[in-house]
Amino acid sequence: MKTVRLLAVVDPAKCTGCTICDRVCPTLAIKTDRKLHLASVDEARCSGCPACEQRCPEGAIHVVVRERPFHMGVEVPPADRVQVDAICRKAKFHPEQLVCYCTATRADEVAAAILQGAHTPEEISYRTGVRTGCTVECLQPMLRLLDAAGIFPKPPPGGWQWYGKTVTAWEIPEAIKRKYGASGFYFDEDIEILDRVVNAPSQEE
């Protein structure tokens, strides 16, 4: 679990209502009133990440220490363990594999959040804290886990938080394997090793 100790605060004297902060927030905690040209922060959804502060062109947002820290995280109920493990392994993750190094969030926690109703990356981020550190890399595993659960969300309107999934070792075309296999690349051997990692027993089994 991630302890959220920080909070984004908007300076209304500097905010021009450009909406950049809306689009870079991983939990959709910021909304801009187009009429007032002013952004506001939903304190309950704010994860204290620096995305809005770093990208505000007017320097109108600052991250401050919260008076009352809170925890972001999802427990994996024993009753859901079989489904959680199935989603993780279908997505080619070991259930105990870290998918967000910034917050130490594991694949099984993301899968549990999906089973509990988090059907978008933004909702998963809000519930688990994943992608609220660097705010970039962890979109990939979330989309893979959502795909494995049969959920295919669309990016938020105007959002800058999304980018395409990268190809995994399992998805490399056979033509590429043949072309580069003689140049010292061991695609099938790598996949065999990765499969052993993905399918290794977890501590809960």
Protein backbone atom coordinates (compact mmCIF):
# COMPACT_ATOMS: atom_id res chain seq x y z
CA MET A 1 0.00 0.00 0.00
CA LYS A 2 1.04 3.57 -0.67
CA THR A 3 0.81 6.20 2.04
CA VAL A 4 -0.30 9.47 0.48
CA ARG A 5 1.29 12.33 2.38
CA LEU A 6 1.10 15.07 -0.25
CA LEU A 7 -1.67 17.07 -1.88
CA ALA A 8 -1.83 19.25 -5.00
CA VAL A 9 -3.03 22.80 -4.34
CA VAL A 10 -4.04 25.30 -7.04
CA ASP A 11 -3.17 28.99 -6.78
CA PRO A 12 -6.24 30.72 -8.29
CA ALA A 13 -4.26 33.91 -8.88
CA LYS A 14 -1.96 32.07 -11.32
CA CYS A 15 -4.28 29.46 -12.86
CA THR A 16 -5.40 30.27 -16.41
CA GLY A 17 -7.64 27.23 -16.88
CA CYS A 18 -5.48 25.63 -19.57
CA THR A 19 -6.61 22.07 -18.53
CA ILE A 20 -3.13 20.55 -18.81
CA CYS A 21 -3.39 19.38 -15.20
CA ASP A 22 -6.71 17.62 -15.93
CA ARG A 23 -5.09 15.62 -18.69
CA VAL A 24 -1.93 14.52 -16.88
CA CYS A 25 -3.49 13.50 -13.55
CA PRO A 26 -3.32 9.68 -13.26
CA THR A 27 -6.37 9.53 -10.95
CA LEU A 28 -8.45 12.25 -12.65
CA ALA A 29 -8.39 14.23 -9.41
CA ILE A 30 -8.28 17.64 -11.12
CA LYS A 31 -11.11 19.29 -13.00
CA THR A 32 -11.03 22.71 -14.66
CA ASP A 33 -14.10 24.93 -14.76
CA ARG A 34 -14.04 26.25 -18.32
CA LYS A 35 -16.22 29.25 -17.44
CA LEU A 36 -14.17 30.31 -14.44
CA HIS A 37 -10.85 29.30 -16.07
CA LEU A 38 -9.87 27.68 -12.79
CA ALA A 39 -8.71 24.18 -11.85
CA SER A 40 -9.77 22.51 -8.62
CA VAL A 41 -8.46 19.40 -6.86
CA ASP A 42 -10.56 16.58 -5.43
CA GLU A 43 -8.54 15.98 -2.27
CA ALA A 44 -9.92 12.46 -1.80
CA ARG A 45 -8.67 11.36 -5.24
CA CYS A 46 -5.34 13.22 -5.26
CA SER A 47 -2.41 10.82 -4.91
CA GLY A 48 0.15 13.54 -4.30
CA CYS A 49 2.11 12.74 -7.44
CA PRO A 50 4.05 15.62 -9.05
CA ALA A 51 2.55 15.37 -12.55
CA CYS A 52 0.36 18.49 -12.37
CA GLU A 53 2.94 20.57 -10.51
CA GLN A 54 5.68 19.68 -12.99
CA ARG A 55 3.61 20.33 -16.09
CA CYS A 56 1.69 23.48 -15.15
CA PRO A 57 3.06 26.20 -17.48
CA GLU A 58 2.05 28.96 -15.07
CA GLY A 59 3.48 27.43 -11.89
CA ALA A 60 -0.02 27.57 -10.44
CA ILE A 61 0.07 24.18 -8.70
CA HIS A 62 2.17 23.20 -5.74
CA VAL A 63 2.32 19.93 -3.83
CA VAL A 64 2.05 20.40 -0.06
CA VAL A 65 2.12 18.09 2.95
CA ARG A 66 -1.31 16.79 3.91
CA GLU A 67 -2.64 17.31 7.39
CA ARG A 68 -4.09 13.79 7.33
CA PRO A 69 -2.22 11.18 5.26
CA PHE A 70 -4.15 8.19 3.96
CA HIS A 71 -3.41 4.81 2.38
CA MET A 72 -4.03 3.68 -1.19
CA GLY A 73 -4.17 -0.06 -1.70
CA VAL A 74 -6.35 -3.09 -2.38
CA GLU A 75 -6.32 -6.32 -0.43
CA VAL A 76 -6.53 -9.59 -2.34
CA PRO A 77 -9.45 -11.53 -0.81
CA PRO A 78 -8.73 -15.27 -0.46
CA ALA A 79 -12.00 -15.98 -2.29
CA ASP A 80 -10.70 -14.15 -5.36
CA ARG A 81 -7.24 -15.73 -5.38
CA VAL A 82 -7.95 -18.20 -8.21
CA GLN A 83 -9.39 -15.50 -10.46
CA VAL A 84 -6.64 -13.03 -9.54
CA ASP A 85 -3.92 -15.55 -10.37
CA ALA A 86 -5.63 -16.45 -13.66
CA ILE A 87 -5.78 -12.81 -14.77
CA CYS A 88 -2.14 -12.23 -13.84
CA ARG A 89 -0.84 -15.30 -15.66
CA LYS A 90 -2.98 -14.64 -18.73
CA ALA A 91 -1.42 -11.16 -18.85
CA LYS A 92 2.02 -12.83 -18.57
CA PHE A 93 2.72 -11.61 -15.05
CA HIS A 94 3.51 -13.66 -11.97
CA PRO A 95 0.93 -12.65 -9.33
CA GLU A 96 3.68 -11.46 -6.97
CA GLN A 97 5.54 -9.53 -9.68
CA LEU A 98 5.95 -5.81 -9.12
CA VAL A 99 4.23 -3.83 -11.84
CA CYS A 100 4.92 -0.42 -10.29
CA TYR A 101 8.33 0.02 -8.72
CA CYS A 102 7.57 3.53 -7.45
CA THR A 103 4.76 2.27 -5.21
CA ALA A 104 5.74 -1.42 -4.92
CA THR A 105 2.35 -2.46 -6.33
CA ARG A 106 2.07 -6.11 -7.35
CA ALA A 107 0.18 -7.63 -10.26
CA ASP A 108 -2.22 -9.47 -7.95
CA GLU A 109 -3.28 -6.20 -6.31
CA VAL A 110 -4.10 -4.68 -9.71
CA ALA A 111 -6.02 -7.83 -10.70
CA ALA A 112 -7.96 -7.70 -7.42
CA ALA A 113 -8.84 -4.05 -8.07
CA ILE A 114 -10.13 -5.01 -11.52
CA LEU A 115 -12.33 -7.73 -10.01
CA GLN A 116 -13.62 -5.17 -7.51
CA GLY A 117 -14.78 -2.83 -10.28
CA ALA A 118 -11.75 -0.77 -11.34
CA HIS A 119 -12.18 -0.99 -15.10
CA THR A 120 -9.95 1.90 -16.23
CA PRO A 121 -6.29 2.72 -15.56
CA GLU A 122 -7.39 5.89 -13.76
CA GLU A 123 -9.64 3.95 -11.39
CA ILE A 124 -6.92 1.35 -10.80
CA SER A 125 -4.47 4.16 -10.01
CA TYR A 126 -6.95 5.71 -7.58
CA ARG A 127 -7.53 2.43 -5.75
CA THR A 128 -4.01 0.97 -5.71
CA GLY A 129 -1.60 3.87 -6.19
CA VAL A 130 -0.02 2.28 -9.27
CA ARG A 131 1.29 4.92 -11.75
CA THR A 132 1.32 7.64 -9.09
CA GLY A 133 5.09 7.74 -8.74
CA CYS A 134 6.71 8.48 -12.09
CA THR A 135 3.14 8.50 -13.57
CA VAL A 136 4.34 7.01 -16.88
CA GLU A 137 5.61 3.44 -17.14
CA CYS A 138 2.89 1.54 -15.29
CA LEU A 139 0.16 2.14 -17.84
CA GLN A 140 1.53 -0.87 -19.77
CA PRO A 141 0.92 -3.55 -17.12
CA MET A 142 -2.48 -2.08 -16.23
CA LEU A 143 -3.66 -2.32 -19.84
CA ARG A 144 -2.29 -5.87 -20.12
CA LEU A 145 -4.12 -6.93 -16.96
CA LEU A 146 -7.34 -5.26 -18.09
CA ASP A 147 -7.06 -7.04 -21.45
CA ALA A 148 -6.58 -10.35 -19.64
CA ALA A 149 -9.78 -9.68 -17.69
CA GLY A 150 -11.66 -9.02 -20.93
CA ILE A 151 -11.90 -5.27 -20.34
CA PHE A 152 -10.83 -2.86 -23.07
CA PRO A 153 -11.21 0.75 -21.88
CA LYS A 154 -10.81 3.83 -24.03
CA PRO A 155 -8.60 6.81 -23.09
CA PRO A 156 -10.33 9.69 -21.32
CA PRO A 157 -11.40 12.52 -23.66
CA GLY A 158 -8.41 14.76 -24.33
CA GLY A 159 -6.27 12.75 -21.95
CA TRP A 160 -2.50 12.73 -22.21
CA GLN A 161 -2.09 9.86 -19.75
CA TRP A 162 -2.24 7.08 -22.35
CA TYR A 163 0.15 5.74 -24.94
CA GLY A 164 0.26 2.51 -26.93
CA LYS A 165 1.23 -0.80 -25.42
CA THR A 166 4.71 -2.06 -26.21
CA VAL A 167 5.22 -5.47 -27.75
CA THR A 168 6.06 -8.24 -25.28
CA ALA A 169 8.39 -11.16 -25.92
CA TRP A 170 5.36 -13.39 -26.58
CA GLU A 171 4.10 -11.07 -29.35
CA ILE A 172 7.23 -10.82 -31.49
CA PRO A 173 6.30 -11.91 -35.03
CA GLU A 174 7.87 -15.08 -36.39
CA ALA A 175 9.35 -13.10 -39.29
CA ILE A 176 11.30 -10.94 -36.83
CA LYS A 177 12.51 -14.02 -34.97
CA ARG A 178 13.78 -15.54 -38.21
CA LYS A 179 15.42 -12.31 -39.33
CA TYR A 180 17.34 -11.65 -36.13
CA GLY A 181 17.63 -15.14 -34.69
CA ALA A 182 20.99 -15.67 -36.40
CA SER A 183 22.35 -12.41 -34.97
CA GLY A 184 22.55 -13.54 -31.38
CA PHE A 185 18.94 -13.03 -30.31
CA TYR A 186 17.38 -15.99 -28.52
CA PHE A 187 13.68 -15.18 -28.66
CA ASP A 188 12.25 -18.62 -27.98
CA GLU A 189 14.76 -19.32 -25.22
CA ASP A 190 13.87 -16.00 -23.58
CA ILE A 191 10.17 -16.83 -23.77
CA GLU A 192 10.81 -20.23 -22.19
CA ILE A 193 12.55 -18.56 -19.24
CA LEU A 194 9.83 -15.92 -18.92
CA ASP A 195 7.15 -18.60 -18.99
CA ARG A 196 8.85 -20.36 -16.08
CA VAL A 197 8.77 -17.11 -14.11
CA VAL A 198 5.13 -16.39 -14.93
CA ASN A 199 3.99 -19.93 -14.07
CA ALA A 200 6.10 -20.41 -10.92
CA PRO A 201 4.01 -21.16 -7.81
CA SER A 202 3.18 -18.16 -5.66
CA GLN A 203 3.49 -18.07 -1.88
CA GLU A 204 -0.30 -18.22 -1.54
CA GLU A 205 -0.52 -21.48 -3.51
